[in-house]
Amino acid sequence: QVQLVESGGGWVQAGGSLRLSCAASGRTFSSYFMGWFRQAPGKEREFVAAIDRIVTYYADSVKGRFTIFRDNAKNTVYLQMNSLKPEDTAVYYCAADSPPVLSGSLRYNDPLKFDSWGQGTQVTVSS
């Protein structure tokens, strides 16, 4: 398990942008499969985006608006959120599937794939 520290959440009007950051511990960050999930009150965690070394994955609800990318030199993964909508309001969690990898058979959008989670950061989008 690795430590994940998130930042960048906040309040924004609809149509605005935010960039979330997730700084990870570990000496093999480049090998981590990283993801972002979100959870609104009373709902289950929802997949948002994920990235392996180069390939990205997105939920249909955020395609074209959100971008996940990583800077391995900084041990950081980012979620750039543009054209935000009120329905994007949620607590956003960074997650990592870190070595030893025991979840290779799980899908990229399955929260059970990830063994480390950040504390969450609140994103509120007003209408």
Protein backbone atom coordinates (compact mmCIF):
# COMPACT_ATOMS: atom_id res chain seq x y z
CA GLN A 1 0.00 0.00 0.00
CA VAL A 2 1.21 3.48 -0.88
CA GLN A 3 0.35 6.88 0.48
CA LEU A 4 -1.69 9.15 -1.76
CA VAL A 5 -2.09 12.86 -1.09
CA GLU A 6 -4.72 14.73 -3.07
CA SER A 7 -5.14 18.43 -3.69
CA GLY A 8 -6.97 20.79 -5.99
CA GLY A 9 -10.57 20.33 -4.99
CA GLY A 10 -12.81 23.28 -4.40
CA TRP A 11 -15.86 25.20 -5.50
CA VAL A 12 -16.46 26.28 -9.06
CA GLN A 13 -19.33 27.50 -11.18
CA ALA A 14 -20.74 25.36 -13.94
CA GLY A 15 -18.57 25.57 -17.01
CA GLY A 16 -15.44 26.17 -14.98
CA SER A 17 -12.34 24.06 -14.57
CA LEU A 18 -10.34 22.43 -11.81
CA ARG A 19 -7.20 20.34 -11.78
CA LEU A 20 -6.85 17.65 -9.17
CA SER A 21 -3.43 16.35 -8.18
CA CYS A 22 -2.48 13.13 -6.47
CA ALA A 23 1.04 12.72 -5.17
CA ALA A 24 2.09 9.16 -4.45
CA SER A 25 4.81 7.58 -2.40
CA GLY A 26 6.83 4.66 -3.65
CA ARG A 27 9.94 4.00 -5.64
CA THR A 28 8.12 2.35 -8.54
CA PHE A 29 5.39 4.89 -9.25
CA SER A 30 5.77 4.46 -12.99
CA SER A 31 4.50 0.92 -12.57
CA TYR A 32 1.37 1.91 -10.67
CA PHE A 33 -1.98 1.72 -12.37
CA MET A 34 -3.68 4.93 -11.24
CA GLY A 35 -7.31 5.90 -11.16
CA TRP A 36 -9.79 8.53 -10.12
CA PHE A 37 -13.17 7.74 -8.63
CA ARG A 38 -15.90 9.91 -7.23
CA GLN A 39 -18.70 9.45 -4.77
CA ALA A 40 -21.78 11.57 -4.29
CA PRO A 41 -23.84 11.36 -1.09
CA GLY A 42 -25.82 8.15 -0.87
CA LYS A 43 -24.16 6.63 -3.92
CA GLU A 44 -21.47 4.07 -4.60
CA ARG A 45 -18.04 5.00 -5.79
CA GLU A 46 -18.12 5.78 -9.48
CA PHE A 47 -15.26 5.29 -11.89
CA VAL A 48 -14.04 8.49 -13.52
CA ALA A 49 -10.72 7.83 -15.22
CA ALA A 50 -7.64 5.63 -15.08
CA ILE A 51 -4.21 5.38 -16.63
CA ASP A 52 -1.54 2.76 -16.90
CA ARG A 53 1.86 3.73 -18.30
CA ILE A 54 0.35 5.38 -21.35
CA VAL A 55 -3.20 4.20 -22.00
CA THR A 56 -6.12 6.14 -20.55
CA TYR A 57 -9.67 5.11 -19.74
CA TYR A 58 -12.69 7.31 -19.10
CA ALA A 59 -16.23 7.02 -17.95
CA ASP A 60 -18.68 8.00 -20.66
CA SER A 61 -19.97 10.81 -18.47
CA VAL A 62 -16.63 12.64 -18.52
CA LYS A 63 -15.22 11.85 -21.95
CA GLY A 64 -14.22 14.99 -23.78
CA ARG A 65 -14.26 17.04 -20.59
CA PHE A 66 -11.80 15.35 -18.23
CA THR A 67 -8.21 14.34 -18.90
CA ILE A 68 -6.05 12.07 -16.79
CA PHE A 69 -2.30 12.27 -17.11
CA ARG A 70 0.76 11.51 -15.05
CA ASP A 71 4.20 12.91 -14.39
CA ASN A 72 6.31 10.00 -13.24
CA ALA A 73 9.24 12.28 -12.38
CA LYS A 74 6.98 13.92 -9.79
CA ASN A 75 5.19 10.75 -8.70
CA THR A 76 1.96 12.56 -9.48
CA VAL A 77 -1.21 11.83 -11.40
CA TYR A 78 -3.58 14.60 -12.42
CA LEU A 79 -7.20 14.95 -13.37
CA GLN A 80 -7.91 18.00 -15.46
CA MET A 81 -11.62 18.76 -15.29
CA ASN A 82 -13.10 21.17 -17.80
CA SER A 83 -16.67 22.19 -18.59
CA LEU A 84 -17.74 21.14 -15.14
CA LYS A 85 -21.39 20.41 -14.49
CA PRO A 86 -23.38 20.36 -11.25
CA GLU A 87 -23.66 16.58 -11.58
CA ASP A 88 -19.88 16.39 -11.26
CA THR A 89 -20.23 17.42 -7.63
CA ALA A 90 -18.74 14.67 -5.48
CA VAL A 91 -15.83 13.66 -3.34
CA TYR A 92 -13.05 12.65 -5.70
CA TYR A 93 -10.66 9.90 -4.71
CA CYS A 94 -7.29 9.02 -6.14
CA ALA A 95 -6.48 5.32 -6.18
CA ALA A 96 -3.52 3.14 -7.01
CA ASP A 97 -3.00 -0.48 -7.91
CA SER A 98 0.52 -0.88 -6.60
CA PRO A 99 2.93 -3.80 -6.57
CA PRO A 100 2.68 -6.58 -5.74
CA VAL A 101 -0.13 -6.65 -8.28
CA LEU A 102 -2.77 -9.14 -7.23
CA SER A 103 -5.65 -7.68 -9.20
CA GLY A 104 -4.56 -8.28 -12.75
CA SER A 105 -7.81 -10.02 -13.57
CA LEU A 106 -9.97 -7.08 -12.47
CA ARG A 107 -11.27 -4.44 -14.84
CA TYR A 108 -9.79 -0.97 -14.91
CA ASN A 109 -13.04 0.53 -13.67
CA ASP A 110 -13.48 -1.85 -10.74
CA PRO A 111 -12.71 -0.16 -7.42
CA LEU A 112 -11.64 -3.54 -6.04
CA LYS A 113 -8.68 -3.43 -8.40
CA PHE A 114 -7.09 -0.66 -6.37
CA ASP A 115 -5.31 -1.29 -3.10
CA SER A 116 -4.48 2.27 -2.06
CA TRP A 117 -6.79 5.25 -1.75
CA GLY A 118 -6.40 8.92 -1.02
CA GLN A 119 -8.43 10.75 1.58
CA GLY A 120 -10.69 12.35 -0.99
CA THR A 121 -11.14 15.94 -2.04
CA GLN A 122 -14.46 17.71 -2.39
CA VAL A 123 -15.46 19.15 -5.74
CA THR A 124 -18.57 21.30 -5.75
CA VAL A 125 -20.00 22.69 -8.97
CA SER A 126 -22.74 25.26 -8.65
CA SER A 127 -25.38 26.02 -11.25
